N, C-alpha and C. Protein backbone atom coordinates (compact mmCIF):
# COMPACT_ATOMS: atom_id res chain seq x y z
N GLN A 1 39.46 -6.45 4.24
CA GLN A 1 38.88 -7.84 3.48
C GLN A 1 39.42 -8.06 2.24
N VAL A 2 39.87 -6.96 1.46
CA VAL A 2 40.31 -7.11 0.19
C VAL A 2 41.72 -6.25 0.07
N GLN A 3 42.65 -6.90 -0.31
CA GLN A 3 43.74 -6.18 -0.60
C GLN A 3 44.22 -6.19 -2.14
N LEU A 4 44.38 -4.90 -2.67
CA LEU A 4 44.70 -4.72 -4.11
C LEU A 4 46.04 -3.99 -4.40
N VAL A 5 46.84 -4.48 -5.14
CA VAL A 5 47.99 -4.10 -5.48
C VAL A 5 48.37 -3.88 -7.17
N GLU A 6 48.29 -2.64 -7.43
CA GLU A 6 48.41 -2.35 -8.90
C GLU A 6 50.19 -2.31 -9.51
N SER A 7 50.17 -2.59 -10.65
CA SER A 7 51.51 -2.59 -11.20
C SER A 7 51.20 -2.37 -12.75
N GLY A 8 52.42 -2.01 -13.40
CA GLY A 8 52.32 -1.70 -14.85
C GLY A 8 52.30 -0.38 -15.21
N GLY A 9 52.53 0.57 -14.48
CA GLY A 9 52.51 1.95 -14.98
C GLY A 9 53.77 2.66 -15.32
N GLY A 10 53.96 3.45 -15.82
CA GLY A 10 55.08 3.94 -16.51
C GLY A 10 55.19 5.10 -17.19
N SER A 11 56.12 5.62 -17.97
CA SER A 11 56.20 6.57 -18.95
C SER A 11 56.01 6.16 -20.29
N VAL A 12 55.25 6.82 -21.29
CA VAL A 12 55.02 6.41 -22.63
C VAL A 12 54.69 7.42 -23.40
N GLN A 13 55.32 7.76 -24.79
CA GLN A 13 54.72 8.73 -25.55
C GLN A 13 53.45 8.71 -26.00
N SER A 14 53.14 9.98 -26.39
CA SER A 14 51.54 9.95 -26.76
C SER A 14 51.39 8.83 -28.13
N GLY A 15 50.23 8.13 -28.18
CA GLY A 15 50.07 7.13 -29.18
C GLY A 15 50.52 5.84 -28.65
N GLY A 16 51.38 5.57 -27.60
CA GLY A 16 51.72 4.35 -27.13
C GLY A 16 50.76 3.81 -26.31
N SER A 17 51.13 2.49 -25.63
CA SER A 17 50.28 1.66 -24.94
C SER A 17 50.91 1.31 -23.59
N LEU A 18 49.93 0.96 -22.61
CA LEU A 18 50.45 0.42 -21.27
C LEU A 18 49.25 -0.65 -20.96
N ARG A 19 49.69 -1.59 -20.18
CA ARG A 19 48.89 -2.53 -19.73
C ARG A 19 49.04 -2.19 -17.99
N LEU A 20 48.06 -2.16 -17.41
CA LEU A 20 48.01 -2.15 -15.90
C LEU A 20 47.44 -3.29 -15.26
N SER A 21 48.03 -3.79 -14.24
CA SER A 21 47.43 -5.00 -13.53
C SER A 21 47.17 -4.87 -12.13
N CYS A 22 46.10 -5.47 -11.51
CA CYS A 22 45.80 -5.46 -10.29
C CYS A 22 45.65 -6.85 -9.57
N ALA A 23 46.44 -7.18 -8.61
CA ALA A 23 46.29 -8.41 -8.20
C ALA A 23 45.42 -8.14 -6.82
N ALA A 24 44.49 -9.00 -6.73
CA ALA A 24 43.65 -9.15 -5.45
C ALA A 24 43.48 -10.24 -4.81
N SER A 25 43.35 -10.00 -3.40
CA SER A 25 43.50 -10.97 -2.29
C SER A 25 42.52 -10.66 -1.20
N GLY A 26 42.29 -11.63 -0.47
CA GLY A 26 41.57 -11.47 0.89
C GLY A 26 40.07 -11.63 0.82
N TYR A 27 39.29 -11.90 -0.37
CA TYR A 27 37.88 -11.71 -0.24
C TYR A 27 37.64 -12.59 -1.58
N SER A 28 36.34 -12.89 -1.85
CA SER A 28 36.06 -13.50 -3.14
C SER A 28 36.08 -12.95 -4.25
N TYR A 29 37.24 -12.91 -4.79
CA TYR A 29 37.29 -11.77 -6.18
C TYR A 29 36.70 -11.88 -7.08
N SER A 30 35.87 -13.15 -7.61
CA SER A 30 35.20 -13.36 -8.74
C SER A 30 33.59 -12.83 -8.57
N SER A 31 33.36 -12.44 -7.42
CA SER A 31 31.65 -12.19 -7.33
C SER A 31 31.56 -10.80 -6.93
N TYR A 32 32.19 -9.81 -7.23
CA TYR A 32 31.67 -8.38 -7.18
C TYR A 32 32.52 -7.60 -8.33
N CYS A 33 32.04 -6.40 -8.25
CA CYS A 33 32.26 -5.13 -9.33
C CYS A 33 33.64 -4.52 -9.01
N MET A 34 34.55 -4.55 -10.04
CA MET A 34 35.78 -3.87 -9.89
C MET A 34 35.89 -2.73 -10.93
N GLY A 35 36.84 -1.95 -10.69
CA GLY A 35 36.88 -0.77 -11.46
C GLY A 35 38.49 -0.08 -11.43
N TRP A 36 38.76 0.66 -12.46
CA TRP A 36 39.87 1.42 -12.66
C TRP A 36 39.39 2.94 -12.54
N PHE A 37 40.24 3.55 -11.66
CA PHE A 37 39.91 5.32 -11.49
C PHE A 37 41.38 5.88 -11.65
N ARG A 38 41.17 6.99 -12.06
CA ARG A 38 42.59 7.80 -12.13
C ARG A 38 42.40 9.28 -11.60
N GLN A 39 43.29 9.69 -10.99
CA GLN A 39 43.33 11.17 -10.25
C GLN A 39 44.60 11.75 -10.87
N ALA A 40 44.51 13.03 -11.47
CA ALA A 40 45.52 13.95 -12.00
C ALA A 40 45.69 15.00 -10.77
N PRO A 41 46.99 15.64 -10.75
CA PRO A 41 47.30 16.54 -9.64
C PRO A 41 46.08 17.63 -9.65
N GLY A 42 45.44 18.14 -8.65
CA GLY A 42 44.46 19.08 -8.39
C GLY A 42 43.23 18.93 -9.10
N LYS A 43 43.02 17.52 -9.57
CA LYS A 43 41.69 17.11 -10.27
C LYS A 43 41.09 16.01 -9.12
N GLU A 44 39.80 15.84 -9.24
CA GLU A 44 38.92 14.89 -8.71
C GLU A 44 39.20 13.62 -9.27
N ARG A 45 39.14 12.40 -8.48
CA ARG A 45 39.32 11.24 -8.87
C ARG A 45 38.10 10.78 -9.80
N GLU A 46 38.29 10.36 -10.94
CA GLU A 46 37.39 10.03 -11.90
C GLU A 46 37.35 8.52 -12.41
N GLY A 47 36.21 7.95 -12.84
CA GLY A 47 36.03 6.66 -13.12
C GLY A 47 36.74 6.39 -14.49
N VAL A 48 37.47 5.27 -14.72
CA VAL A 48 37.91 4.93 -16.03
C VAL A 48 37.13 3.90 -16.78
N ALA A 49 37.00 2.75 -15.89
CA ALA A 49 36.21 1.58 -16.48
C ALA A 49 35.84 0.77 -15.46
N VAL A 50 34.84 0.09 -15.36
CA VAL A 50 34.26 -0.95 -14.49
C VAL A 50 33.95 -2.42 -15.18
N ILE A 51 34.04 -3.35 -14.39
CA ILE A 51 33.69 -4.67 -14.80
C ILE A 51 33.04 -5.30 -13.80
N ASP A 52 31.72 -6.03 -14.18
CA ASP A 52 30.98 -6.73 -13.14
C ASP A 52 31.39 -8.26 -13.06
N ALA A 53 30.92 -8.78 -12.11
CA ALA A 53 31.12 -10.21 -11.81
C ALA A 53 30.98 -11.17 -13.02
N ASN A 54 30.03 -10.77 -14.09
CA ASN A 54 29.85 -11.68 -15.19
C ASN A 54 30.76 -11.20 -16.23
N GLY A 55 31.68 -10.02 -16.00
CA GLY A 55 32.34 -9.66 -17.24
C GLY A 55 32.03 -8.62 -17.98
N GLY A 56 30.63 -7.98 -17.65
CA GLY A 56 30.18 -6.93 -18.52
C GLY A 56 31.12 -5.61 -18.05
N THR A 57 31.05 -4.82 -18.91
CA THR A 57 32.04 -3.66 -18.72
C THR A 57 31.34 -2.19 -19.12
N GLY A 58 31.84 -1.22 -18.64
CA GLY A 58 31.58 -0.13 -18.98
C GLY A 58 32.69 0.96 -18.75
N TYR A 59 32.58 1.84 -19.85
CA TYR A 59 33.56 2.95 -19.68
C TYR A 59 33.38 4.42 -19.81
N ALA A 60 34.18 5.18 -19.38
CA ALA A 60 34.06 6.63 -19.37
C ALA A 60 34.27 7.04 -21.06
N ASP A 61 33.43 7.92 -21.17
CA ASP A 61 33.14 8.23 -22.74
C ASP A 61 34.78 8.57 -23.36
N SER A 62 35.67 9.23 -22.71
CA SER A 62 36.91 9.45 -23.13
C SER A 62 37.73 8.44 -23.36
N MET A 63 37.49 7.40 -22.98
CA MET A 63 38.33 6.16 -22.77
C MET A 63 37.82 4.83 -23.69
N GLU A 64 36.44 4.80 -23.86
CA GLU A 64 35.73 3.76 -24.75
C GLU A 64 36.60 4.01 -26.10
N GLY A 65 36.97 2.74 -26.60
CA GLY A 65 37.60 2.42 -27.93
C GLY A 65 39.15 2.57 -27.63
N ARG A 66 39.85 2.99 -26.70
CA ARG A 66 41.22 2.90 -26.43
C ARG A 66 41.59 2.06 -25.48
N PHE A 67 40.68 2.13 -24.28
CA PHE A 67 40.98 1.41 -23.35
C PHE A 67 40.14 0.07 -23.11
N THR A 68 40.61 -1.10 -22.53
CA THR A 68 39.78 -2.31 -22.29
C THR A 68 40.25 -2.79 -20.66
N ILE A 69 39.18 -3.00 -20.04
CA ILE A 69 39.14 -3.65 -18.58
C ILE A 69 38.93 -5.17 -19.06
N SER A 70 39.47 -5.77 -18.20
CA SER A 70 39.27 -7.34 -18.21
C SER A 70 39.58 -7.87 -16.97
N ARG A 71 39.05 -9.08 -16.58
CA ARG A 71 39.66 -9.62 -15.34
C ARG A 71 39.90 -11.21 -15.56
N ASP A 72 40.77 -11.73 -14.97
CA ASP A 72 40.98 -13.05 -15.08
C ASP A 72 40.91 -13.50 -13.62
N ASN A 73 39.77 -14.37 -13.47
CA ASN A 73 39.39 -14.81 -12.08
C ASN A 73 40.34 -15.80 -11.64
N ALA A 74 40.98 -16.64 -12.59
CA ALA A 74 41.80 -17.73 -12.09
C ALA A 74 43.01 -17.25 -11.41
N LYS A 75 43.41 -16.16 -11.71
CA LYS A 75 44.79 -15.32 -11.29
C LYS A 75 44.42 -14.31 -10.27
N ASN A 76 43.01 -14.14 -9.94
CA ASN A 76 42.78 -12.95 -9.19
C ASN A 76 43.47 -11.66 -9.55
N THR A 77 43.14 -11.39 -10.94
CA THR A 77 43.73 -10.40 -11.39
C THR A 77 42.99 -9.35 -12.22
N LEU A 78 42.79 -8.24 -12.16
CA LEU A 78 42.38 -7.12 -12.93
C LEU A 78 43.28 -6.37 -13.73
N TYR A 79 42.78 -6.11 -15.15
CA TYR A 79 43.75 -5.61 -16.17
C TYR A 79 43.18 -4.36 -16.58
N LEU A 80 43.88 -3.37 -17.01
CA LEU A 80 43.48 -2.36 -17.87
C LEU A 80 44.43 -1.98 -19.03
N GLN A 81 44.10 -2.38 -20.39
CA GLN A 81 44.73 -2.25 -21.37
C GLN A 81 44.84 -0.76 -21.76
N MET A 82 45.64 -0.22 -22.14
CA MET A 82 45.53 1.39 -22.49
C MET A 82 46.14 1.45 -23.76
N ASN A 83 45.42 2.01 -24.88
CA ASN A 83 46.09 1.96 -26.10
C ASN A 83 45.88 3.44 -26.64
N THR A 84 46.51 3.93 -27.66
CA THR A 84 46.44 5.43 -28.15
C THR A 84 46.29 6.34 -26.99
N LEU A 85 47.51 6.20 -25.95
CA LEU A 85 47.31 7.09 -24.91
C LEU A 85 47.67 8.70 -25.41
N LYS A 86 47.12 9.52 -24.64
CA LYS A 86 47.11 10.91 -24.59
C LYS A 86 47.91 11.49 -23.59
N PRO A 87 48.41 12.86 -23.72
CA PRO A 87 49.00 13.34 -22.54
C PRO A 87 48.02 13.62 -21.52
N GLU A 88 46.71 13.88 -21.89
CA GLU A 88 45.50 14.04 -20.73
C GLU A 88 45.34 12.71 -20.01
N ASP A 89 45.90 11.64 -20.39
CA ASP A 89 45.55 10.41 -19.60
C ASP A 89 46.67 10.28 -18.45
N THR A 90 47.63 11.35 -18.37
CA THR A 90 48.44 11.29 -17.23
C THR A 90 47.53 11.54 -15.96
N ALA A 91 48.07 10.37 -15.20
CA ALA A 91 47.35 10.46 -13.86
C ALA A 91 47.89 9.29 -12.97
N MET A 92 47.63 9.32 -11.79
CA MET A 92 47.87 8.16 -10.88
C MET A 92 46.55 7.29 -11.20
N TYR A 93 46.81 5.95 -11.47
CA TYR A 93 45.73 5.01 -11.66
C TYR A 93 45.51 3.97 -10.46
N TYR A 94 44.20 3.99 -9.99
CA TYR A 94 43.90 3.03 -9.07
C TYR A 94 42.85 2.05 -9.37
N CYS A 95 43.19 0.86 -8.76
CA CYS A 95 42.21 -0.14 -8.76
C CYS A 95 41.29 -0.25 -7.71
N ALA A 96 40.17 -0.53 -7.69
CA ALA A 96 39.40 -0.45 -6.58
C ALA A 96 38.19 -1.43 -6.81
N ALA A 97 37.53 -2.02 -5.56
CA ALA A 97 36.59 -3.08 -5.56
C ALA A 97 35.25 -2.58 -4.84
N ASP A 98 34.24 -2.91 -5.50
CA ASP A 98 32.84 -2.77 -4.99
C ASP A 98 32.45 -3.99 -4.33
N VAL A 99 32.55 -4.50 -3.22
CA VAL A 99 32.16 -5.83 -2.77
C VAL A 99 30.81 -5.98 -2.48
N THR A 100 30.06 -4.76 -2.39
CA THR A 100 28.66 -4.66 -2.41
C THR A 100 27.85 -4.92 -3.60
N ARG A 101 28.09 -5.03 -4.74
CA ARG A 101 27.70 -5.09 -5.94
C ARG A 101 28.07 -6.47 -7.00
N PHE A 102 27.40 -7.35 -7.49
CA PHE A 102 27.70 -8.09 -8.38
C PHE A 102 27.76 -7.41 -9.70
N TYR A 103 26.68 -6.72 -10.10
CA TYR A 103 26.74 -5.95 -11.41
C TYR A 103 27.22 -4.25 -10.80
N CYS A 104 28.02 -3.69 -11.67
CA CYS A 104 28.47 -2.35 -11.27
C CYS A 104 27.49 -1.48 -11.69
N SER A 105 27.34 -0.20 -10.75
CA SER A 105 26.37 0.67 -10.86
C SER A 105 26.31 1.29 -12.24
N GLY A 106 27.35 1.50 -13.07
CA GLY A 106 27.38 2.22 -14.25
C GLY A 106 27.45 3.66 -14.19
N SER A 107 27.38 4.32 -12.83
CA SER A 107 27.67 5.60 -12.90
C SER A 107 28.90 6.30 -13.09
N GLY A 108 29.92 5.68 -12.79
CA GLY A 108 31.52 5.92 -13.06
C GLY A 108 31.68 6.73 -11.74
N SER A 109 31.19 6.64 -10.61
CA SER A 109 31.42 7.35 -9.43
C SER A 109 32.24 6.35 -8.58
N PRO A 110 33.24 6.79 -7.87
CA PRO A 110 33.96 6.32 -6.86
C PRO A 110 33.24 5.44 -5.68
N ALA A 111 31.97 6.28 -5.55
CA ALA A 111 31.29 5.90 -4.22
C ALA A 111 30.67 4.47 -4.27
N GLY A 112 30.90 3.71 -3.00
CA GLY A 112 30.75 2.40 -3.03
C GLY A 112 31.83 1.31 -3.29
N PHE A 113 32.91 2.08 -3.88
CA PHE A 113 34.02 1.30 -3.78
C PHE A 113 34.87 1.44 -2.69
N GLY A 114 34.79 0.27 -1.74
CA GLY A 114 35.27 0.42 -0.44
C GLY A 114 36.79 0.21 -0.37
N TYR A 115 37.34 -0.41 -1.42
CA TYR A 115 38.71 -1.03 -1.15
C TYR A 115 39.55 -0.57 -2.38
N TRP A 116 40.75 -0.02 -2.07
CA TRP A 116 41.70 0.75 -3.19
C TRP A 116 42.89 0.32 -3.15
N GLY A 117 43.61 0.34 -4.34
CA GLY A 117 45.16 -0.06 -4.20
C GLY A 117 45.85 1.12 -4.02
N GLN A 118 47.05 1.25 -3.89
CA GLN A 118 48.10 2.30 -3.66
C GLN A 118 48.40 3.02 -4.86
N GLY A 119 47.95 2.72 -5.92
CA GLY A 119 47.88 3.44 -7.25
C GLY A 119 49.31 3.33 -8.12
N THR A 120 49.21 3.48 -9.27
CA THR A 120 50.38 3.29 -10.12
C THR A 120 50.44 4.36 -11.31
N GLN A 121 51.37 5.10 -11.34
CA GLN A 121 51.56 6.30 -12.04
C GLN A 121 51.59 5.98 -13.61
N VAL A 122 50.85 6.59 -14.26
CA VAL A 122 50.93 6.56 -15.66
C VAL A 122 51.35 8.12 -16.33
N THR A 123 52.36 8.36 -16.93
CA THR A 123 52.92 9.58 -17.68
C THR A 123 52.80 9.30 -19.13
N VAL A 124 52.13 10.19 -19.78
CA VAL A 124 52.18 10.23 -21.09
C VAL A 124 52.70 11.57 -21.68
N SER A 125 53.63 11.52 -22.37
CA SER A 125 54.40 12.86 -22.86
C SER A 125 54.18 12.83 -24.61
N SER A 126 54.22 14.27 -24.93
CA SER A 126 53.96 14.44 -26.35
C SER A 126 55.22 14.46 -27.17
């Protein structure tokens, strides 16, 4: 029902910035919760940020103040602006959609996000 394609990953030095994009299609994009998650090798997938259909946002504690999630409904695109990047931010970043929710749960859990993109790699060097 939903197809998601991430882009914008790459390599950056500590303190640098990147903007990730996620193009969505195949469903009513503007009416459900979307989020960004990340997974480093050997670690569990963790929530980065979520945004509900009204534009309300939530962030993991380690990201708030550095990362900003946003959505452009006219372009069917989700964004993650990442500033002041740290080596520990190195991971594969995934765009995801929870089509069952208008408002995101706020738990930071990937549970309920039934649709995922292929991921885009972010590498932060010291």
